[in-house]
Structure formats: C-alpha cells, structure tokens
Amino acid sequence: MGRNLSLQELDNKIAQLRVNNKKLVFTNGCFDLIHIGHIRYLKEAKKLGDVLIIGLNSDKSVSSLKPRRPIIPENQRAEVLSSLEMVDYVVIFNEETPYELIKRIRPDVLVKGGDWKKEDIVGSDLVSEVYSLPYFKEYSTTAIIKKIIDNSS
C-alpha cells in the first residue's frame, strides 16, 4: 500500500528510488469518486514500471477545472488512493496542471487515460515513455454523479 507524501518527502523518496534504479511511473488526476474505471486504469499503469506515483489534484485545483467539484476532500481522496495495493505514493498538487510536479519527479513513464491523446498529455515533453491507457467512459465520475442526480428526481 502507498503513502501520502509532502513535496519534501517526495524529493527524498525519489532520490532513494533513483539510486536503486527503480522505473518510476507517474499519473495524475482528481480521482474524486473512485470507481472500477480508476482501479483498472491504475492496475495497468502499475504494470509499466516499478513504482506508481499519483499526482492528486488538490481541492483548489479540482474546483478550478470542474464546476461543483470535488465531491470528496483531497485528504480523503489521497487516503483512499494510498490504500490501493498498486499505488506506491500519492502527492497533492495545487496547480491546474501537474507540469511542475512532473518536472520535479522526472518519471520514466507518464500515463493518462485514453481520453487523452499522447501529444496533449501535460509533461510528455519531459519523459521518454508516454502512454494513453484505455478509458472506461461508462464508469466516469461525471457519469456516476449524473446517475445519482437522475435517480433522485
């Protein structure tokens, strides 16, 4: 199971992992309501290297990107993610994009969901391997929220 890290803790951990020649995989997102699409995506991401690091959008970052979100506060989202066996580390970031965080980590592999084209993935210019993994639209957080709203009226 993973750990939630501050940026300073992350810097120290990355240095250790580099010494041990670990292949670092990075992904990011809001991960607001964890669903099977997220789980499948994270399992596939983990297969691409030794260590899976998630850059988690802070509440401030999410609210600037998505109206009336997040549903779940950042510390709870981080705790849920870090409890998943395929996730090694979670770090919360405040910016709209994870570009500066990716620059800081310098992962070997950058991963996003299949709704992203490789050339549009933020930070793709900083890493050697970029993957756009399958996207499970029917399991999106937006679809779940819509279904809850539709069923409540």
N, C-alpha and C. Protein backbone atom coordinates (compact mmCIF):
# COMPACT_ATOMS: atom_id res chain seq x y z
N MET A 1 0.83 -1.18 0.00
CA MET A 1 0.00 0.00 0.00
C MET A 1 0.88 1.25 0.00
N GLY A 2 0.32 2.29 -0.56
CA GLY A 2 1.08 3.51 -0.75
C GLY A 2 1.13 4.42 0.46
N ARG A 3 1.77 5.55 0.25
CA ARG A 3 1.91 6.57 1.28
C ARG A 3 1.61 7.92 0.68
N ASN A 4 1.02 8.79 1.49
CA ASN A 4 0.86 10.18 1.09
C ASN A 4 2.15 10.90 1.47
N LEU A 5 2.69 11.68 0.53
CA LEU A 5 3.95 12.36 0.77
C LEU A 5 3.82 13.87 0.57
N SER A 6 4.57 14.61 1.36
CA SER A 6 4.72 16.04 1.09
C SER A 6 5.73 16.16 -0.05
N LEU A 7 5.87 17.35 -0.61
CA LEU A 7 6.84 17.54 -1.71
C LEU A 7 8.26 17.25 -1.23
N GLN A 8 8.61 17.66 -0.02
CA GLN A 8 9.95 17.39 0.51
C GLN A 8 10.19 15.89 0.68
N GLU A 9 9.20 15.20 1.25
CA GLU A 9 9.32 13.74 1.41
C GLU A 9 9.44 13.07 0.04
N LEU A 10 8.70 13.58 -0.93
CA LEU A 10 8.75 13.03 -2.28
C LEU A 10 10.16 13.17 -2.86
N ASP A 11 10.76 14.35 -2.71
CA ASP A 11 12.12 14.56 -3.21
C ASP A 11 13.09 13.54 -2.63
N ASN A 12 13.01 13.30 -1.33
CA ASN A 12 13.90 12.33 -0.68
C ASN A 12 13.64 10.92 -1.18
N LYS A 13 12.36 10.57 -1.34
CA LYS A 13 12.00 9.23 -1.79
C LYS A 13 12.46 9.01 -3.24
N ILE A 14 12.27 10.01 -4.09
CA ILE A 14 12.69 9.90 -5.50
C ILE A 14 14.20 9.65 -5.57
N ALA A 15 14.95 10.37 -4.76
CA ALA A 15 16.41 10.18 -4.75
C ALA A 15 16.77 8.74 -4.38
N GLN A 16 16.10 8.18 -3.38
CA GLN A 16 16.34 6.78 -2.99
C GLN A 16 15.99 5.81 -4.12
N LEU A 17 14.85 6.06 -4.74
CA LEU A 17 14.40 5.18 -5.82
C LEU A 17 15.34 5.23 -7.01
N ARG A 18 15.86 6.39 -7.31
CA ARG A 18 16.80 6.54 -8.43
C ARG A 18 18.08 5.76 -8.15
N VAL A 19 18.57 5.83 -6.91
CA VAL A 19 19.78 5.09 -6.52
C VAL A 19 19.57 3.60 -6.75
N ASN A 20 18.34 3.14 -6.50
CA ASN A 20 18.02 1.72 -6.65
C ASN A 20 17.52 1.36 -8.05
N ASN A 21 17.68 2.29 -9.00
CA ASN A 21 17.32 2.05 -10.40
C ASN A 21 15.88 1.60 -10.60
N LYS A 22 14.97 2.17 -9.84
CA LYS A 22 13.55 1.84 -9.99
C LYS A 22 12.95 2.64 -11.15
N LYS A 23 12.10 1.99 -11.91
CA LYS A 23 11.40 2.64 -13.02
C LYS A 23 10.15 3.32 -12.46
N LEU A 24 10.10 4.66 -12.57
CA LEU A 24 9.02 5.44 -11.98
C LEU A 24 7.92 5.72 -12.99
N VAL A 25 6.70 5.42 -12.59
CA VAL A 25 5.51 5.68 -13.40
C VAL A 25 4.72 6.78 -12.70
N PHE A 26 4.31 7.78 -13.46
CA PHE A 26 3.54 8.90 -12.90
C PHE A 26 2.22 9.05 -13.63
N THR A 27 1.18 9.27 -12.86
CA THR A 27 -0.10 9.66 -13.42
C THR A 27 -0.70 10.70 -12.49
N ASN A 28 -1.71 11.37 -12.97
CA ASN A 28 -2.34 12.38 -12.13
C ASN A 28 -3.83 12.44 -12.42
N GLY A 29 -4.54 13.08 -11.52
CA GLY A 29 -5.96 13.26 -11.72
C GLY A 29 -6.66 13.70 -10.45
N CYS A 30 -7.97 13.85 -10.57
CA CYS A 30 -8.81 14.27 -9.44
C CYS A 30 -9.18 13.08 -8.57
N PHE A 31 -9.47 11.95 -9.21
CA PHE A 31 -9.86 10.72 -8.51
C PHE A 31 -10.90 11.03 -7.44
N ASP A 32 -11.97 11.69 -7.88
CA ASP A 32 -12.95 12.20 -6.94
C ASP A 32 -13.81 11.09 -6.33
N LEU A 33 -14.49 10.34 -7.13
CA LEU A 33 -15.25 9.17 -6.65
C LEU A 33 -14.57 7.95 -7.27
N ILE A 34 -13.82 7.21 -6.48
CA ILE A 34 -13.08 6.07 -7.01
C ILE A 34 -14.06 5.01 -7.51
N HIS A 35 -13.85 4.57 -8.74
CA HIS A 35 -14.74 3.57 -9.35
C HIS A 35 -13.89 2.54 -10.12
N ILE A 36 -14.54 1.55 -10.67
CA ILE A 36 -13.84 0.44 -11.32
C ILE A 36 -12.96 0.90 -12.50
N GLY A 37 -13.37 1.96 -13.17
CA GLY A 37 -12.54 2.51 -14.24
C GLY A 37 -11.19 2.98 -13.71
N HIS A 38 -11.20 3.65 -12.55
CA HIS A 38 -9.96 4.08 -11.92
C HIS A 38 -9.09 2.88 -11.54
N ILE A 39 -9.72 1.88 -10.95
CA ILE A 39 -8.98 0.70 -10.49
C ILE A 39 -8.30 0.00 -11.66
N ARG A 40 -9.04 -0.22 -12.73
CA ARG A 40 -8.47 -0.88 -13.91
C ARG A 40 -7.33 -0.05 -14.50
N TYR A 41 -7.53 1.24 -14.57
CA TYR A 41 -6.52 2.16 -15.10
C TYR A 41 -5.24 2.11 -14.24
N LEU A 42 -5.39 2.18 -12.93
CA LEU A 42 -4.22 2.18 -12.05
C LEU A 42 -3.48 0.84 -12.07
N LYS A 43 -4.21 -0.25 -12.21
CA LYS A 43 -3.56 -1.56 -12.34
C LYS A 43 -2.69 -1.61 -13.58
N GLU A 44 -3.23 -1.11 -14.69
CA GLU A 44 -2.46 -1.09 -15.95
C GLU A 44 -1.26 -0.16 -15.85
N ALA A 45 -1.45 0.99 -15.22
CA ALA A 45 -0.35 1.94 -15.05
C ALA A 45 0.79 1.31 -14.26
N LYS A 46 0.46 0.61 -13.20
CA LYS A 46 1.48 -0.02 -12.34
C LYS A 46 2.32 -1.03 -13.10
N LYS A 47 1.73 -1.71 -14.07
CA LYS A 47 2.45 -2.72 -14.86
C LYS A 47 3.57 -2.11 -15.70
N LEU A 48 3.57 -0.80 -15.88
CA LEU A 48 4.53 -0.13 -16.76
C LEU A 48 5.86 0.20 -16.07
N GLY A 49 5.97 -0.09 -14.78
CA GLY A 49 7.20 0.21 -14.07
C GLY A 49 7.21 -0.41 -12.69
N ASP A 50 8.16 0.06 -11.86
CA ASP A 50 8.32 -0.49 -10.52
C ASP A 50 7.54 0.27 -9.45
N VAL A 51 7.40 1.57 -9.65
CA VAL A 51 6.81 2.44 -8.63
C VAL A 51 5.76 3.33 -9.29
N LEU A 52 4.54 3.32 -8.75
CA LEU A 52 3.48 4.17 -9.27
C LEU A 52 3.26 5.35 -8.33
N ILE A 53 3.45 6.56 -8.87
CA ILE A 53 3.26 7.80 -8.14
C ILE A 53 2.05 8.51 -8.73
N ILE A 54 1.14 8.93 -7.85
CA ILE A 54 -0.03 9.67 -8.30
C ILE A 54 0.09 11.11 -7.85
N GLY A 55 -0.02 12.03 -8.81
CA GLY A 55 -0.16 13.44 -8.51
C GLY A 55 -1.66 13.71 -8.39
N LEU A 56 -2.11 14.04 -7.20
CA LEU A 56 -3.53 14.23 -6.93
C LEU A 56 -3.87 15.71 -6.94
N ASN A 57 -4.81 16.09 -7.80
CA ASN A 57 -5.26 17.48 -7.83
C ASN A 57 -5.83 17.86 -6.46
N SER A 58 -5.38 18.98 -5.92
CA SER A 58 -5.92 19.48 -4.65
C SER A 58 -7.36 19.92 -4.86
N ASP A 59 -8.05 20.18 -3.77
CA ASP A 59 -9.42 20.69 -3.86
C ASP A 59 -9.45 21.97 -4.69
N LYS A 60 -8.51 22.88 -4.43
CA LYS A 60 -8.42 24.14 -5.17
C LYS A 60 -8.23 23.89 -6.67
N SER A 61 -7.35 22.96 -6.99
CA SER A 61 -7.07 22.62 -8.38
C SER A 61 -8.29 22.01 -9.07
N VAL A 62 -8.97 21.09 -8.38
CA VAL A 62 -10.16 20.45 -8.95
C VAL A 62 -11.24 21.48 -9.21
N SER A 63 -11.49 22.35 -8.23
CA SER A 63 -12.58 23.32 -8.37
C SER A 63 -12.32 24.31 -9.49
N SER A 64 -11.05 24.53 -9.83
CA SER A 64 -10.75 25.42 -10.95
C SER A 64 -10.98 24.73 -12.30
N LEU A 65 -11.03 23.39 -12.28
CA LEU A 65 -11.19 22.62 -13.52
C LEU A 65 -12.62 22.11 -13.74
N LYS A 66 -13.32 21.82 -12.63
CA LYS A 66 -14.64 21.17 -12.73
C LYS A 66 -15.63 21.87 -11.81
N PRO A 67 -16.75 22.34 -12.36
CA PRO A 67 -17.74 23.02 -11.52
C PRO A 67 -18.33 22.08 -10.45
N ARG A 68 -18.57 22.63 -9.27
CA ARG A 68 -19.17 21.92 -8.14
C ARG A 68 -18.40 20.67 -7.71
N ARG A 69 -17.12 20.67 -7.94
CA ARG A 69 -16.29 19.54 -7.53
C ARG A 69 -15.10 20.10 -6.76
N PRO A 70 -14.43 19.32 -5.96
CA PRO A 70 -14.63 17.88 -5.79
C PRO A 70 -15.80 17.55 -4.85
N ILE A 71 -16.22 16.33 -4.92
CA ILE A 71 -17.23 15.80 -4.01
C ILE A 71 -16.54 15.38 -2.71
N ILE A 72 -15.41 14.71 -2.85
CA ILE A 72 -14.64 14.18 -1.72
C ILE A 72 -13.41 15.08 -1.49
N PRO A 73 -13.15 15.51 -0.24
CA PRO A 73 -12.00 16.36 0.04
C PRO A 73 -10.66 15.68 -0.28
N GLU A 74 -9.65 16.49 -0.60
CA GLU A 74 -8.35 15.98 -1.05
C GLU A 74 -7.71 14.98 -0.09
N ASN A 75 -7.75 15.23 1.22
CA ASN A 75 -7.10 14.31 2.15
C ASN A 75 -7.77 12.94 2.16
N GLN A 76 -9.08 12.92 2.00
CA GLN A 76 -9.80 11.64 1.92
C GLN A 76 -9.49 10.94 0.60
N ARG A 77 -9.46 11.71 -0.50
CA ARG A 77 -9.12 11.10 -1.80
C ARG A 77 -7.71 10.51 -1.76
N ALA A 78 -6.79 11.23 -1.13
CA ALA A 78 -5.41 10.75 -1.02
C ALA A 78 -5.33 9.48 -0.19
N GLU A 79 -6.09 9.43 0.90
CA GLU A 79 -6.07 8.25 1.76
C GLU A 79 -6.63 7.03 1.04
N VAL A 80 -7.72 7.22 0.31
CA VAL A 80 -8.31 6.11 -0.45
C VAL A 80 -7.30 5.60 -1.48
N LEU A 81 -6.71 6.52 -2.25
CA LEU A 81 -5.74 6.11 -3.27
C LEU A 81 -4.54 5.39 -2.66
N SER A 82 -4.02 5.92 -1.58
CA SER A 82 -2.82 5.32 -0.99
C SER A 82 -3.12 3.96 -0.35
N SER A 83 -4.39 3.64 -0.15
CA SER A 83 -4.74 2.33 0.41
C SER A 83 -4.79 1.24 -0.67
N LEU A 84 -4.72 1.64 -1.93
CA LEU A 84 -4.77 0.66 -3.03
C LEU A 84 -3.41 0.00 -3.20
N GLU A 85 -3.42 -1.32 -3.38
CA GLU A 85 -2.16 -2.07 -3.43
C GLU A 85 -1.25 -1.67 -4.59
N MET A 86 -1.81 -1.18 -5.69
CA MET A 86 -0.97 -0.84 -6.84
C MET A 86 -0.36 0.55 -6.76
N VAL A 87 -0.80 1.34 -5.80
CA VAL A 87 -0.32 2.72 -5.65
C VAL A 87 0.80 2.77 -4.62
N ASP A 88 1.94 3.33 -5.03
CA ASP A 88 3.08 3.42 -4.10
C ASP A 88 3.11 4.75 -3.35
N TYR A 89 2.89 5.85 -4.07
CA TYR A 89 2.95 7.17 -3.43
C TYR A 89 1.90 8.10 -4.03
N VAL A 90 1.38 8.97 -3.17
CA VAL A 90 0.43 9.99 -3.58
C VAL A 90 0.96 11.33 -3.10
N VAL A 91 0.97 12.31 -3.98
CA VAL A 91 1.36 13.67 -3.61
C VAL A 91 0.31 14.62 -4.16
N ILE A 92 -0.15 15.54 -3.33
CA ILE A 92 -1.18 16.51 -3.71
C ILE A 92 -0.51 17.74 -4.30
N PHE A 93 -1.06 18.23 -5.42
CA PHE A 93 -0.53 19.46 -6.02
C PHE A 93 -1.66 20.47 -6.23
N ASN A 94 -1.31 21.76 -6.17
CA ASN A 94 -2.30 22.84 -6.23
C ASN A 94 -2.50 23.45 -7.61
N GLU A 95 -1.57 23.27 -8.50
CA GLU A 95 -1.65 23.90 -9.81
C GLU A 95 -2.72 23.23 -10.68
N GLU A 96 -3.14 23.93 -11.74
CA GLU A 96 -4.15 23.34 -12.65
C GLU A 96 -3.60 22.14 -13.39
N THR A 97 -2.30 22.16 -13.68
CA THR A 97 -1.67 21.01 -14.35
C THR A 97 -0.52 20.50 -13.48
N PRO A 98 -0.12 19.25 -13.70
CA PRO A 98 0.98 18.68 -12.91
C PRO A 98 2.36 18.94 -13.52
N TYR A 99 2.47 19.89 -14.44
CA TYR A 99 3.72 20.07 -15.17
C TYR A 99 4.93 20.26 -14.24
N GLU A 100 4.81 21.16 -13.29
CA GLU A 100 5.94 21.42 -12.37
C GLU A 100 6.26 20.20 -11.53
N LEU A 101 5.24 19.46 -11.14
CA LEU A 101 5.46 18.23 -10.36
C LEU A 101 6.17 17.18 -11.21
N ILE A 102 5.77 17.04 -12.45
CA ILE A 102 6.43 16.09 -13.36
C ILE A 102 7.88 16.49 -13.56
N LYS A 103 8.11 17.78 -13.72
CA LYS A 103 9.47 18.30 -13.88
C LYS A 103 10.32 17.97 -12.64
N ARG A 104 9.71 18.06 -11.49
CA ARG A 104 10.40 17.78 -10.23
C ARG A 104 10.71 16.29 -10.08
N ILE A 105 9.75 15.43 -10.43
CA ILE A 105 9.91 13.98 -10.27
C ILE A 105 10.77 13.38 -11.38
N ARG A 106 10.59 13.85 -12.60
CA ARG A 106 11.25 13.28 -13.79
C ARG A 106 11.00 11.77 -13.88
N PRO A 107 9.72 11.38 -13.97
CA PRO A 107 9.42 9.94 -14.06
C PRO A 107 9.93 9.35 -15.37
N ASP A 108 10.06 8.04 -15.39
CA ASP A 108 10.45 7.34 -16.61
C ASP A 108 9.26 7.18 -17.53
N VAL A 109 8.08 7.05 -16.94
CA VAL A 109 6.85 6.78 -17.68
C VAL A 109 5.76 7.75 -17.22
N LEU A 110 5.05 8.29 -18.19
CA LEU A 110 3.92 9.17 -17.91
C LEU A 110 2.68 8.53 -18.49
N VAL A 111 1.60 8.46 -17.69
CA VAL A 111 0.40 7.75 -18.10
C VAL A 111 -0.83 8.61 -17.86
N LYS A 112 -1.76 8.57 -18.83
CA LYS A 112 -3.07 9.21 -18.67
C LYS A 112 -4.11 8.27 -19.28
N GLY A 113 -5.37 8.58 -19.03
CA GLY A 113 -6.46 7.79 -19.57
C GLY A 113 -6.62 8.00 -21.06
N GLY A 114 -7.28 7.06 -21.72
CA GLY A 114 -7.44 7.05 -23.17
C GLY A 114 -8.22 8.20 -23.75
N ASP A 115 -8.81 9.04 -22.90
CA ASP A 115 -9.48 10.23 -23.42
C ASP A 115 -8.46 11.33 -23.73
N TRP A 116 -7.19 11.06 -23.47
CA TRP A 116 -6.10 11.99 -23.77
C TRP A 116 -5.28 11.46 -24.96
N LYS A 117 -4.97 12.33 -25.92
CA LYS A 117 -4.03 11.99 -26.99
C LYS A 117 -2.63 12.16 -26.42
N LYS A 118 -1.70 11.28 -26.80
CA LYS A 118 -0.35 11.33 -26.26
C LYS A 118 0.27 12.72 -26.36
N GLU A 119 0.09 13.37 -27.50
CA GLU A 119 0.72 14.68 -27.71
C GLU A 119 0.09 15.78 -26.85
N ASP A 120 -1.09 15.54 -26.30
CA ASP A 120 -1.76 16.53 -25.45
C ASP A 120 -1.53 16.29 -23.96
N ILE A 121 -0.84 15.23 -23.62
CA ILE A 121 -0.61 14.91 -22.21
C ILE A 121 0.42 15.87 -21.63
N VAL A 122 0.01 16.57 -20.59
CA VAL A 122 0.89 17.54 -19.93
C VAL A 122 2.13 16.83 -19.40
N GLY A 123 3.30 17.34 -19.76
CA GLY A 123 4.57 16.77 -19.31
C GLY A 123 5.16 15.76 -20.26
N SER A 124 4.49 15.49 -21.38
CA SER A 124 5.01 14.49 -22.32
C SER A 124 6.36 14.90 -22.90
N ASP A 125 6.66 16.19 -22.86
CA ASP A 125 7.96 16.66 -23.34
C ASP A 125 9.09 16.40 -22.34
N LEU A 126 8.75 15.93 -21.15
CA LEU A 126 9.74 15.74 -20.09
C LEU A 126 10.15 14.28 -19.88
N VAL A 127 9.42 13.34 -20.49
CA VAL A 127 9.67 11.92 -20.24
C VAL A 127 9.88 11.16 -21.54
N SER A 128 10.49 9.99 -21.41
CA SER A 128 10.77 9.20 -22.61
C SER A 128 9.62 8.28 -23.02
N GLU A 129 8.82 7.83 -22.05
CA GLU A 129 7.71 6.94 -22.36
C GLU A 129 6.39 7.59 -21.94
N VAL A 130 5.45 7.68 -22.88
CA VAL A 130 4.13 8.25 -22.61
C VAL A 130 3.07 7.27 -23.11
N TYR A 131 2.09 7.00 -22.24
CA TYR A 131 1.03 6.06 -22.61
C TYR A 131 -0.34 6.68 -22.35
N SER A 132 -1.25 6.41 -23.25
CA SER A 132 -2.65 6.75 -23.08
C SER A 132 -3.38 5.42 -22.94
N LEU A 133 -3.78 5.10 -21.72
CA LEU A 133 -4.39 3.80 -21.43
C LEU A 133 -5.89 3.81 -21.71
N PRO A 134 -6.50 2.64 -21.85
CA PRO A 134 -7.94 2.58 -22.12
C PRO A 134 -8.75 3.40 -21.13
N TYR A 135 -9.76 4.05 -21.66
CA TYR A 135 -10.66 4.89 -20.86
C TYR A 135 -12.01 4.21 -20.78
N PHE A 136 -12.56 4.12 -19.59
CA PHE A 136 -13.84 3.45 -19.38
C PHE A 136 -14.91 4.52 -19.14
N LYS A 137 -15.40 5.12 -20.23
CA LYS A 137 -16.33 6.24 -20.13
C LYS A 137 -17.57 5.91 -19.31
N GLU A 138 -18.05 4.68 -19.43
CA GLU A 138 -19.26 4.31 -18.70
C GLU A 138 -19.05 4.30 -17.19
N TYR A 139 -17.80 4.39 -16.74
CA TYR A 139 -17.51 4.38 -15.31
C TYR A 139 -16.99 5.73 -14.81
N SER A 140 -17.14 6.78 -15.57
CA SER A 140 -16.59 8.07 -15.18
C SER A 140 -17.31 8.65 -13.96
N THR A 141 -16.59 9.48 -13.22
CA THR A 141 -17.18 10.15 -12.07
C THR A 141 -18.35 11.01 -12.51
N THR A 142 -18.22 11.69 -13.64
CA THR A 142 -19.30 12.51 -14.16
C THR A 142 -20.55 11.67 -14.42
N ALA A 143 -20.36 10.47 -15.00
CA ALA A 143 -21.49 9.58 -15.27
C ALA A 143 -22.14 9.11 -13.97
N ILE A 144 -21.33 8.84 -12.95
CA ILE A 144 -21.87 8.41 -11.66
C ILE A 144 -22.69 9.53 -11.04
N ILE A 145 -22.17 10.74 -11.06
CA ILE A 145 -22.90 11.89 -10.50
C ILE A 145 -24.21 12.11 -11.25
N LYS A 146 -24.16 12.01 -12.57
CA LYS A 146 -25.37 12.18 -13.38
C LYS A 146 -26.41 11.12 -13.00
N LYS A 147 -25.97 9.89 -12.83
CA LYS A 147 -26.90 8.82 -12.48
C LYS A 147 -27.53 9.07 -11.11
N ILE A 148 -26.75 9.54 -10.16
CA ILE A 148 -27.29 9.85 -8.83
C ILE A 148 -28.34 10.95 -8.94
N ILE A 149 -28.04 12.00 -9.69
CA ILE A 149 -28.98 13.11 -9.86
C ILE A 149 -30.26 12.63 -10.55
N ASP A 150 -30.09 11.85 -11.63
CA ASP A 150 -31.25 11.35 -12.37
C ASP A 150 -32.14 10.46 -11.50
N ASN A 151 -31.52 9.65 -10.65
CA ASN A 151 -32.27 8.72 -9.79
C ASN A 151 -32.92 9.41 -8.60
N SER A 152 -32.45 10.61 -8.28
CA SER A 152 -33.01 11.29 -7.11
C SER A 152 -34.20 12.18 -7.46
N SER A 153 -34.45 12.38 -8.75
CA SER A 153 -35.56 13.26 -9.13
C SER A 153 -36.81 12.50 -9.50
